[in-house]
């Protein structure tokens, strides 16, 4: 089973639209006004560019900065149901395949970067007491509302994003993130899979194979041809020393 990484439901949305606070916001911002997709991208870029030097857009609402040939940092403004957006951040890894059922496919260029490990605000223990709506920006009350709420969302998420990026300067940092997420998250790809491939990349071939076998007993990885094991051996052969 492959959980979706996008179009999550903003859990506070229905509470917000049925609250007095929400209708006060409608009056404050002058009623219903939709922010178009192009303006959402532009406003996000205006915020991200000074906050994350060296990051460049690779897709709408997705910015990337390569650390080295293995690691690319990513920050995204992710669409939610309910006309809202939230920050999502993490890392793309050139040595982790993203498809293996019929054959191996990799994402080794900057333009092809995709999330192998990621977080968003609801994942973080330190942010769970934040008020409803502090993580998200609403697009149906006009541009001024969207800008204001995007700034609040970034002020909430920004320190966690920057701290995570500071920890992902090498493969040891990637391995720590994958290990820390292994028992807590149900992301795709499974963090345990990323952990196994990172073990292989740093030369721990035996441990990587043990991790992959244990993962295969816990998840249906849909790998009838054994492509993941072959990919792991390939990564181990090219391991950093």
Foldseek 3Di string as FASTA:
>chain_A
DADDPAQAAQVCQVVLVPDPVNVVVCVVLPHWDFDDQVVVQVLLCVVVPVLDPQWDDLDRQKTWHDLDQFKIKIWGFGDYPNQKTFIKIAIFGQLAFQDALPHTDGQRDPNSGDHQDMDTQVLDPVCVPPDRLQGMAHRTSDDVSRSVSVVSNCVSCVVVRVVLVVQPNDLVSLLVRLVVCQPPDDHPPRSLLVNLLSCLQQQVLVVSVVSVVVVVVVDVPNNPPCRSVVSSVVNNVNHDD
